[in-house]
Amino acid sequence: MKHIDIYDVLNNPTLIGQETVVCGWVRTFRDSAQVSFLELADGTSFPRLQVVIDKSALTVDPECTKLGASVRVKGMVVKAFKGEGNELNASSVALLGKCPPEYPIQKKRTTLDFLRTIPHLRLRTNTFQAVFRVRSVAAQAIHRFFHERRFFYMNTPLVTASDCEGAGEMFRVTTQPWNASYKTEEEYYKNDFFGVKAGLSVSGQLEGEVAATALGKIYTFGPSFRAENSNTARHLAEFWHVEPEIAFAELPDVIEIAEELLKYLIRAVLAECAEETKFFDTFVEKGLIDKLTHVAESDFAVCEYTEAIEILKKENARFQFPVEWGSDLQSEHERFLTEEVFKRPVFVTNYPKEIKSFYMKQNADGKTVAATDLLVPGIGEIIGGSEREADYEKLLTAMKERKMDLDAYKQYLDLRVFGSVPHGGFGLGFERFVMYVTGMENIRDVTLFPRWTKNIM
């Protein structure tokens, strides 16, 4: 159907005085004695297009004025009578799709909790149109960032036989019938599709390391799956992960790239989603633009885990979860460090090895690993990374201590045999980043069809 995007009608001054055709959904309808007004949205622009209907010259089917109806409008593009941009003086309005009165997107009902129950329709609201425009811009910016720095984009397997995190929180992949009965676990998996236990990937990191030790600098950007029985506003069973891996790199190099990436993405969102960030600043999180600008313009701090614990211990009385050396940091600790102590983003480094993953480089002190978490004001951890263990014997020992299946990681161990190099990387949870730059408080509101425990709408 030949038509012009509403974005172009609103923003292209050369269209003024020309007759054009637009298509869209009715967002509001106002009526007066001589003139009626339709506001249309087609998804291409956050601002809506106002359509002016001269009632003395044009009679419109009442169905075309119903909230949610889709219409095709022909008319003359003119300068907006009020404000900036353009509007359309209609010469014809045709109905494309009716929308009945029980259309659920009504002002009095559109709480985020309610909209979560109708994910197939919630994108028609201002909030979710803004969220997913920001998400799209941020995704494009991720690819630009790495392409400009000569990182190669890799697509790592979604079905795997190894658990990257070693935590056993994988979804099992099987073709066995629900009532399959075998005497042993070994016999069960031998008769399954792959002949071994398989699951959905929790991370592309291990395969990413394979690519980085050949191509130097790579990144993955795709879905990850965690069968974590966590029903919180920050956890999803299916989410998207940005994971660069860098050969010939140590922890300071990883920190440098992580800081550059976060600033780059924030600047892209502020520049390319000005209307959307203004909306979020007004209706979702007051001061959002100032917060993001501050982060983009700050020099991030770096603080050793041991130092952070000493700072936090002095304030233990104020925390729900008091800390000691060896404790994992909770959200309240992370926010205290960023918002009250450093007043800017901070990389916490060199964590106790017992609370971090098996693949992280063991430091000379024998107690800590060369790991880092990037904490930001307002949310806490947003990036986690490390230098990877490049020493075969040390990695093997760490895996044995965790009673891991060494056969499943033979290829990964081989990377430490054939030309091992210092290397590192990090992971950015994409949905958490989108939450941060939009001010949305629930991770289920920044993904199209959220999956969490007991929910797969």
Protein backbone atom coordinates (compact mmCIF):
# COMPACT_ATOMS: atom_id res chain seq x y z
CA MET A 1 0.00 0.00 0.00
CA LYS A 2 1.74 3.14 -1.20
CA HIS A 3 1.97 5.77 1.54
CA ILE A 4 4.46 8.04 3.33
CA ASP A 5 5.73 7.45 6.86
CA ILE A 6 4.36 9.81 9.49
CA TYR A 7 7.94 10.60 10.51
CA ASP A 8 8.56 12.10 7.06
CA VAL A 9 5.30 14.03 7.03
CA LEU A 10 6.17 15.59 10.40
CA ASN A 11 9.79 16.40 9.63
CA ASN A 12 10.21 16.97 5.90
CA PRO A 13 9.53 20.65 5.02
CA THR A 14 9.58 19.88 1.27
CA LEU A 15 6.29 18.01 1.66
CA ILE A 16 4.42 21.18 2.67
CA GLY A 17 1.84 21.99 0.02
CA GLN A 18 1.89 18.47 -1.42
CA GLU A 19 -0.92 15.95 -1.36
CA THR A 20 0.12 12.72 0.31
CA VAL A 21 -1.24 9.51 1.82
CA VAL A 22 -0.55 8.23 5.34
CA CYS A 23 -1.67 5.13 7.22
CA GLY A 24 -1.88 4.68 10.96
CA TRP A 25 -3.80 3.84 14.10
CA VAL A 26 -6.12 6.35 15.75
CA ARG A 27 -4.68 7.48 19.06
CA THR A 28 -7.14 10.30 19.87
CA PHE A 29 -10.20 11.95 18.33
CA ARG A 30 -11.51 15.43 19.13
CA ASP A 31 -14.64 16.98 17.69
CA SER A 32 -15.98 20.54 17.42
CA ALA A 33 -18.74 22.30 15.50
CA GLN A 34 -16.84 22.81 12.23
CA VAL A 35 -13.64 20.73 12.55
CA SER A 36 -12.59 17.32 13.84
CA PHE A 37 -9.08 16.19 14.73
CA LEU A 38 -7.55 12.72 14.50
CA GLU A 39 -4.15 11.93 15.95
CA LEU A 40 -2.45 9.07 14.12
CA ALA A 41 0.57 6.91 14.91
CA ASP A 42 2.23 4.46 12.54
CA GLY A 43 5.24 3.52 14.67
CA THR A 44 7.78 5.53 12.68
CA SER A 45 7.70 8.58 14.95
CA PHE A 46 7.20 9.17 18.64
CA PRO A 47 5.20 12.39 18.03
CA ARG A 48 1.82 11.74 16.41
CA LEU A 49 0.45 13.31 13.26
CA GLN A 50 -2.57 15.56 13.61
CA VAL A 51 -5.14 15.13 10.85
CA VAL A 52 -7.56 18.06 10.44
CA ILE A 53 -11.02 17.25 9.06
CA ASP A 54 -13.18 20.08 7.71
CA LYS A 55 -16.68 18.76 8.47
CA SER A 56 -18.29 21.02 5.86
CA ALA A 57 -16.23 19.39 3.11
CA LEU A 58 -15.79 15.81 4.32
CA THR A 59 -17.97 13.27 6.09
CA VAL A 60 -16.06 10.56 7.92
CA ASP A 61 -17.27 7.08 8.86
CA PRO A 62 -17.63 7.08 12.68
CA GLU A 63 -15.65 3.82 12.79
CA CYS A 64 -12.62 5.80 11.58
CA THR A 65 -12.66 7.89 14.76
CA LYS A 66 -12.61 4.99 17.25
CA LEU A 67 -9.52 4.55 19.43
CA GLY A 68 -7.30 1.82 17.98
CA ALA A 69 -8.89 1.76 14.51
CA SER A 70 -6.52 1.72 11.52
CA VAL A 71 -7.13 4.21 8.72
CA ARG A 72 -5.74 5.49 5.43
CA VAL A 73 -5.80 9.27 5.05
CA LYS A 74 -5.20 11.37 1.93
CA GLY A 75 -4.64 15.08 2.31
CA MET A 76 -2.51 18.20 1.97
CA VAL A 77 0.58 18.61 4.17
CA VAL A 78 0.57 22.02 5.88
CA LYS A 79 2.58 23.73 8.59
CA ALA A 80 1.16 22.94 12.02
CA PHE A 81 -1.23 25.62 13.24
CA LYS A 82 0.29 25.31 16.74
CA GLY A 83 3.81 24.26 17.63
CA GLU A 84 6.46 22.84 15.35
CA GLY A 85 6.23 20.31 12.55
CA ASN A 86 3.51 19.63 10.02
CA GLU A 87 -0.05 18.36 9.98
CA LEU A 88 -2.43 17.00 7.36
CA ASN A 89 -5.62 18.58 6.03
CA ALA A 90 -7.67 15.53 5.09
CA SER A 91 -9.46 15.11 1.75
CA SER A 92 -10.43 11.47 2.41
CA VAL A 93 -10.36 9.06 5.35
CA ALA A 94 -10.80 5.33 4.71
CA LEU A 95 -11.21 2.60 7.29
CA LEU A 96 -8.66 -0.22 7.14
CA GLY A 97 -9.48 -2.07 10.35
CA LYS A 98 -12.27 -1.60 12.91
CA CYS A 99 -11.54 -1.50 16.63
CA PRO A 100 -14.38 -2.45 19.00
CA PRO A 101 -15.22 -0.59 22.25
CA GLU A 102 -13.62 -3.35 24.35
CA TYR A 103 -10.17 -2.37 23.06
CA PRO A 104 -8.14 -2.75 26.27
CA ILE A 105 -5.77 0.21 25.82
CA GLN A 106 -7.78 2.76 27.76
CA LYS A 107 -6.34 5.58 29.92
CA LYS A 108 -8.02 4.40 33.09
CA ARG A 109 -6.61 0.87 32.75
CA THR A 110 -3.15 1.27 31.31
CA THR A 111 -0.99 0.54 34.37
CA LEU A 112 2.24 -1.31 33.67
CA ASP A 113 0.97 -4.30 35.65
CA PHE A 114 -2.14 -4.48 33.48
CA LEU A 115 -0.23 -3.98 30.24
CA ARG A 116 2.06 -6.88 31.15
CA THR A 117 -1.01 -9.14 30.77
CA ILE A 118 -1.51 -8.02 27.13
CA PRO A 119 2.00 -8.02 25.62
CA HIS A 120 0.54 -8.32 22.11
CA LEU A 121 -1.11 -4.88 22.43
CA ARG A 122 0.99 -2.93 24.93
CA LEU A 123 3.38 -1.64 22.24
CA ARG A 124 0.62 0.68 21.06
CA THR A 125 1.06 2.85 24.16
CA ASN A 126 3.45 5.80 24.33
CA THR A 127 5.57 4.17 27.02
CA PHE A 128 6.27 0.96 25.16
CA GLN A 129 6.70 2.62 21.79
CA ALA A 130 9.39 4.77 23.41
CA VAL A 131 11.01 1.77 25.15
CA PHE A 132 11.33 -0.26 21.99
CA ARG A 133 12.54 2.63 19.89
CA VAL A 134 15.31 3.15 22.43
CA ARG A 135 16.04 -0.59 22.42
CA SER A 136 16.39 -0.58 18.63
CA VAL A 137 18.71 2.45 18.61
CA ALA A 138 20.85 0.93 21.38
CA ALA A 139 21.16 -2.37 19.47
CA GLN A 140 22.33 -0.55 16.33
CA ALA A 141 24.81 1.44 18.41
CA ILE A 142 26.29 -1.76 19.85
CA HIS A 143 27.07 -3.05 16.38
CA ARG A 144 28.48 0.34 15.32
CA PHE A 145 30.72 0.56 18.38
CA PHE A 146 32.37 -2.79 17.80
CA HIS A 147 32.53 -2.49 14.02
CA GLU A 148 34.32 0.86 14.30
CA ARG A 149 36.93 -0.81 16.55
CA ARG A 150 37.43 -3.82 14.22
CA PHE A 151 35.72 -6.40 16.43
CA PHE A 152 34.22 -9.30 14.48
CA TYR A 153 30.60 -10.25 15.13
CA MET A 154 30.18 -13.93 16.05
CA ASN A 155 27.03 -16.03 16.35
CA THR A 156 27.61 -18.58 19.09
CA PRO A 157 25.50 -21.74 19.60
CA LEU A 158 22.23 -21.55 21.47
CA VAL A 159 22.23 -25.31 22.12
CA THR A 160 25.29 -26.47 24.02
CA ALA A 161 26.67 -29.34 26.11
CA SER A 162 28.59 -27.06 28.50
CA ASP A 163 27.40 -24.75 31.27
CA CYS A 164 29.46 -21.56 30.95
CA GLU A 165 28.77 -20.40 34.50
CA GLY A 166 29.07 -23.84 36.05
CA ALA A 167 25.98 -23.15 38.15
CA GLY A 168 23.64 -25.78 36.71
CA GLU A 169 20.89 -23.29 35.81
CA MET A 170 20.39 -24.49 32.24
CA PHE A 171 17.21 -25.37 30.39
CA ARG A 172 17.45 -28.93 29.16
CA VAL A 173 17.06 -29.58 25.42
CA THR A 174 15.64 -33.00 24.59
CA THR A 175 13.64 -34.92 21.99
CA GLN A 176 12.77 -37.67 24.46
CA PRO A 177 9.05 -38.23 25.18
CA TRP A 178 7.72 -36.98 28.49
CA ASN A 179 7.38 -40.52 29.85
CA ALA A 180 10.79 -41.78 28.72
CA SER A 181 12.03 -44.45 31.14
CA TYR A 182 15.64 -45.61 31.40
CA LYS A 183 17.60 -47.36 34.13
CA THR A 184 20.42 -44.81 34.17
CA GLU A 185 21.01 -41.17 33.30
CA GLU A 186 23.77 -42.23 30.91
CA GLU A 187 21.34 -44.48 28.99
CA TYR A 188 18.74 -41.68 28.84
CA TYR A 189 21.12 -39.19 27.23
CA LYS A 190 22.66 -41.80 24.94
CA ASN A 191 19.23 -42.22 23.36
CA ASP A 192 18.58 -38.49 23.11
CA PHE A 193 19.07 -36.43 19.93
CA PHE A 194 22.70 -35.40 20.55
CA GLY A 195 23.67 -38.52 22.51
CA VAL A 196 24.72 -36.35 25.46
CA LYS A 197 23.06 -33.98 27.91
CA ALA A 198 22.32 -30.68 26.12
CA GLY A 199 20.83 -27.36 27.17
CA LEU A 200 20.16 -23.79 26.11
CA SER A 201 23.21 -21.56 26.38
CA VAL A 202 23.59 -19.33 29.43
CA SER A 203 26.34 -17.34 27.67
CA GLY A 204 28.32 -17.27 24.46
CA GLN A 205 31.55 -16.55 26.31
CA LEU A 206 33.31 -19.91 26.03
CA GLU A 207 32.75 -20.07 22.28
CA GLY A 208 33.63 -16.38 22.08
CA GLU A 209 37.03 -17.14 23.59
CA VAL A 210 37.57 -19.70 20.83
CA ALA A 211 36.95 -17.01 18.22
CA ALA A 212 39.05 -14.36 19.98
CA THR A 213 42.09 -16.65 20.13
CA ALA A 214 42.01 -16.73 16.33
CA LEU A 215 40.54 -13.38 15.25
CA GLY A 216 41.84 -11.22 18.10
CA LYS A 217 38.75 -9.14 18.93
CA ILE A 218 35.20 -10.45 18.66
CA TYR A 219 31.78 -9.84 20.16
CA THR A 220 28.57 -11.78 20.44
CA PHE A 221 25.11 -10.26 20.74
CA GLY A 222 22.27 -12.69 21.14
CA PRO A 223 19.90 -14.47 23.52
CA SER A 224 20.93 -16.29 26.68
CA PHE A 225 18.81 -18.53 28.88
CA ARG A 226 18.90 -19.01 32.66
CA ALA A 227 16.66 -21.48 34.49
CA GLU A 228 17.01 -19.44 37.66
CA ASN A 229 13.90 -19.66 39.82
CA SER A 230 13.95 -15.93 40.50
CA ASN A 231 10.78 -13.87 40.38
CA THR A 232 12.29 -10.38 40.63
CA ALA A 233 12.12 -7.15 38.66
CA ARG A 234 15.69 -7.72 37.42
CA HIS A 235 15.62 -11.31 36.17
CA LEU A 236 14.39 -12.99 33.00
CA ALA A 237 14.64 -16.60 31.87
CA GLU A 238 15.47 -15.39 28.34
CA PHE A 239 17.48 -12.24 27.81
CA TRP A 240 19.99 -10.70 25.41
CA HIS A 241 23.69 -10.52 26.12
CA VAL A 242 26.50 -8.38 24.65
CA GLU A 243 29.78 -10.24 25.16
CA PRO A 244 33.09 -9.04 23.70
CA GLU A 245 36.23 -11.16 24.03
CA ILE A 246 39.68 -9.66 23.46
CA ALA A 247 42.97 -11.49 22.90
CA PHE A 248 46.25 -10.06 24.21
CA ALA A 249 44.33 -8.16 26.89
CA GLU A 250 44.54 -7.89 30.67
CA LEU A 251 42.00 -6.60 33.18
CA PRO A 252 42.77 -2.86 32.64
CA ASP A 253 42.16 -3.33 28.90
CA VAL A 254 38.79 -4.96 29.61
CA ILE A 255 37.85 -2.07 31.91
CA GLU A 256 38.80 0.49 29.27
CA ILE A 257 36.59 -1.09 26.57
CA ALA A 258 33.67 -1.51 28.99
CA GLU A 259 33.77 2.18 29.95
CA GLU A 260 34.00 3.27 26.31
CA LEU A 261 31.05 1.05 25.35
CA LEU A 262 28.71 2.27 28.08
CA LYS A 263 29.43 5.93 27.34
CA TYR A 264 29.05 5.38 23.59
CA LEU A 265 25.65 3.72 24.01
CA ILE A 266 24.34 6.38 26.38
CA ARG A 267 25.42 9.17 24.03
CA ALA A 268 23.74 7.38 21.10
CA VAL A 269 20.45 7.10 22.99
CA LEU A 270 20.54 10.75 24.10
CA ALA A 271 21.32 11.94 20.57
CA GLU A 272 19.03 9.66 18.56
CA CYS A 273 16.11 9.30 20.98
CA ALA A 274 15.72 12.87 22.22
CA GLU A 275 11.89 12.77 22.17
CA GLU A 276 11.80 9.42 23.93
CA THR A 277 14.27 10.36 26.67
CA LYS A 278 12.34 13.58 27.28
CA PHE A 279 9.20 11.49 27.72
CA PHE A 280 10.93 9.15 30.19
CA ASP A 281 12.40 12.11 32.06
CA THR A 282 8.91 13.62 32.42
CA PHE A 283 6.77 10.57 33.12
CA VAL A 284 9.00 7.69 34.26
CA GLU A 285 12.15 8.90 36.07
CA LYS A 286 12.61 12.56 36.93
CA GLY A 287 16.18 13.66 36.26
CA LEU A 288 16.91 10.77 33.89
CA ILE A 289 18.61 12.94 31.26
CA ASP A 290 20.85 14.58 33.87
CA LYS A 291 21.75 11.14 35.28
CA LEU A 292 22.69 9.77 31.86
CA THR A 293 24.59 12.91 30.89
CA HIS A 294 26.55 12.72 34.15
CA VAL A 295 27.53 9.10 33.47
CA ALA A 296 28.53 9.82 29.88
CA GLU A 297 30.75 12.71 30.99
CA SER A 298 32.32 11.08 34.09
CA ASP A 299 35.68 9.40 34.48
CA PHE A 300 34.70 6.07 36.03
CA ALA A 301 36.30 5.18 39.35
CA VAL A 302 38.19 1.93 40.05
CA CYS A 303 38.07 0.39 43.52
CA GLU A 304 39.48 -2.90 44.81
CA TYR A 305 36.90 -5.25 46.31
CA THR A 306 38.84 -5.29 49.60
CA GLU A 307 38.72 -1.49 49.77
CA ALA A 308 35.01 -1.50 48.95
CA ILE A 309 34.33 -3.95 51.78
CA GLU A 310 36.19 -1.73 54.26
CA ILE A 311 34.11 1.26 53.15
CA LEU A 312 30.88 -0.71 53.46
CA LYS A 313 31.71 -2.27 56.85
CA LYS A 314 31.79 1.20 58.39
CA GLU A 315 28.12 1.57 57.34
CA ASN A 316 26.94 -1.98 58.14
CA ALA A 317 24.26 -0.71 60.52
CA ARG A 318 22.36 0.86 57.62
CA PHE A 319 22.28 -2.25 55.42
CA GLN A 320 19.79 -5.07 55.36
CA PHE A 321 22.69 -7.39 54.46
CA PRO A 322 25.85 -6.56 56.49
CA VAL A 323 29.12 -7.35 54.68
CA GLU A 324 32.37 -9.11 55.53
CA TRP A 325 35.30 -9.96 53.29
CA GLY A 326 34.09 -12.81 51.11
CA SER A 327 30.51 -11.50 50.87
CA ASP A 328 28.93 -10.98 47.48
CA LEU A 329 27.80 -7.38 47.07
CA GLN A 330 24.04 -6.79 47.15
CA SER A 331 22.21 -4.09 45.22
CA GLU A 332 22.06 -1.86 48.31
CA HIS A 333 25.85 -2.02 48.64
CA GLU A 334 26.44 -1.33 44.96
CA ARG A 335 24.15 1.70 44.96
CA PHE A 336 25.73 3.08 48.14
CA LEU A 337 29.17 2.93 46.55
CA THR A 338 28.10 4.64 43.32
CA GLU A 339 25.56 7.13 44.65
CA GLU A 340 27.03 8.18 48.00
CA VAL A 341 30.72 7.30 48.04
CA PHE A 342 32.05 7.80 44.50
CA LYS A 343 29.03 9.68 43.05
CA ARG A 344 29.81 8.20 39.63
CA PRO A 345 30.17 4.76 38.02
CA VAL A 346 32.80 2.55 39.63
CA PHE A 347 34.61 -0.63 38.61
CA VAL A 348 35.01 -2.92 41.61
CA THR A 349 37.94 -5.28 40.94
CA ASN A 350 39.73 -8.35 42.28
CA TYR A 351 36.91 -10.29 43.95
CA PRO A 352 37.39 -13.38 46.16
CA LYS A 353 37.74 -16.38 43.87
CA GLU A 354 35.09 -18.37 45.79
CA ILE A 355 32.28 -16.03 44.70
CA LYS A 356 33.32 -15.77 41.05
CA SER A 357 33.34 -18.12 38.07
CA PHE A 358 35.89 -20.85 37.39
CA TYR A 359 37.32 -19.25 34.24
CA MET A 360 38.58 -16.02 35.86
CA LYS A 361 42.33 -15.40 36.15
CA GLN A 362 43.67 -16.23 39.58
CA ASN A 363 45.70 -13.43 41.11
CA ALA A 364 49.11 -13.93 42.70
CA ASP A 365 47.67 -13.60 46.22
CA GLY A 366 45.89 -16.96 45.81
CA LYS A 367 42.67 -15.49 47.22
CA THR A 368 41.27 -13.26 44.49
CA VAL A 369 40.62 -13.27 40.76
CA ALA A 370 41.08 -10.54 38.16
CA ALA A 371 37.37 -9.84 37.87
CA THR A 372 35.41 -6.61 37.71
CA ASP A 373 31.82 -5.46 38.04
CA LEU A 374 30.82 -2.04 36.73
CA LEU A 375 28.38 -0.39 39.14
CA VAL A 376 26.34 2.62 38.04
CA PRO A 377 24.17 5.06 40.01
CA GLY A 378 20.52 4.11 40.15
CA ILE A 379 20.80 0.41 39.39
CA GLY A 380 24.07 -1.08 40.65
CA GLU A 381 25.81 -3.74 38.56
CA ILE A 382 25.39 -3.35 34.81
CA ILE A 383 28.53 -5.07 33.43
CA GLY A 384 30.49 -8.05 34.72
CA GLY A 385 33.82 -9.12 33.29
CA SER A 386 37.29 -10.47 33.92
CA GLU A 387 40.63 -11.42 32.58
CA ARG A 388 40.31 -15.11 31.72
CA GLU A 389 42.60 -17.73 33.21
CA ALA A 390 45.26 -18.46 30.56
CA ASP A 391 47.23 -21.02 32.60
CA TYR A 392 46.16 -24.61 31.86
CA GLU A 393 47.02 -26.07 35.27
CA LYS A 394 45.34 -23.27 37.23
CA LEU A 395 42.18 -23.52 35.14
CA LEU A 396 42.14 -27.31 35.48
CA THR A 397 42.48 -27.03 39.26
CA ALA A 398 39.63 -24.52 39.49
CA MET A 399 37.37 -26.83 37.47
CA LYS A 400 38.23 -29.87 39.55
CA GLU A 401 37.49 -27.96 42.76
CA ARG A 402 34.00 -27.34 41.39
CA LYS A 403 33.64 -30.99 40.34
CA MET A 404 32.96 -29.99 36.73
CA ASP A 405 32.78 -32.50 33.87
CA LEU A 406 36.20 -32.00 32.29
CA ASP A 407 35.28 -33.93 29.14
CA ALA A 408 32.63 -31.33 28.33
CA TYR A 409 35.28 -28.58 28.43
CA LYS A 410 38.13 -30.29 26.55
CA GLN A 411 38.09 -27.80 23.67
CA TYR A 412 38.05 -24.88 26.12
CA LEU A 413 41.03 -26.33 28.00
CA ASP A 414 42.86 -26.86 24.70
CA LEU A 415 42.95 -23.10 24.17
CA ARG A 416 45.43 -23.01 27.09
CA VAL A 417 47.58 -25.69 25.43
CA PHE A 418 47.99 -24.37 21.90
CA GLY A 419 49.38 -20.84 22.01
CA SER A 420 47.67 -19.53 25.13
CA VAL A 421 47.53 -15.74 25.48
CA PRO A 422 46.32 -13.26 28.09
CA HIS A 423 42.73 -12.45 27.18
CA GLY A 424 39.56 -11.12 28.73
CA GLY A 425 36.05 -9.92 28.18
CA PHE A 426 32.78 -8.90 29.78
CA GLY A 427 29.04 -9.24 29.52
CA LEU A 428 26.45 -6.48 29.34
CA GLY A 429 22.88 -7.55 29.97
CA PHE A 430 21.07 -5.72 27.19
CA GLU A 431 17.71 -5.51 28.95
CA ARG A 432 19.35 -4.10 32.07
CA PHE A 433 20.97 -1.43 29.94
CA VAL A 434 17.61 -0.55 28.37
CA MET A 435 16.09 -0.35 31.85
CA TYR A 436 18.84 2.04 32.88
CA VAL A 437 18.49 4.46 29.97
CA THR A 438 14.68 4.50 30.05
CA GLY A 439 14.14 4.53 33.82
CA MET A 440 11.83 1.51 33.60
CA GLU A 441 11.86 -0.38 36.89
CA ASN A 442 10.86 -3.86 35.73
CA ILE A 443 12.93 -5.84 33.26
CA ARG A 444 9.74 -7.44 31.93
CA ASP A 445 8.80 -4.04 30.50
CA VAL A 446 11.81 -3.74 28.20
CA THR A 447 11.49 -7.04 26.32
CA LEU A 448 8.82 -7.90 23.78
CA PHE A 449 7.52 -11.15 25.26
CA PRO A 450 9.14 -11.61 28.69
CA ARG A 451 9.74 -15.14 30.01
CA TRP A 452 10.14 -15.85 33.69
CA THR A 453 9.31 -18.69 36.04
CA LYS A 454 5.78 -20.00 35.43
CA ASN A 455 5.21 -17.45 32.62
CA ILE A 456 5.62 -17.94 28.87
CA MET A 457 2.86 -15.80 27.32
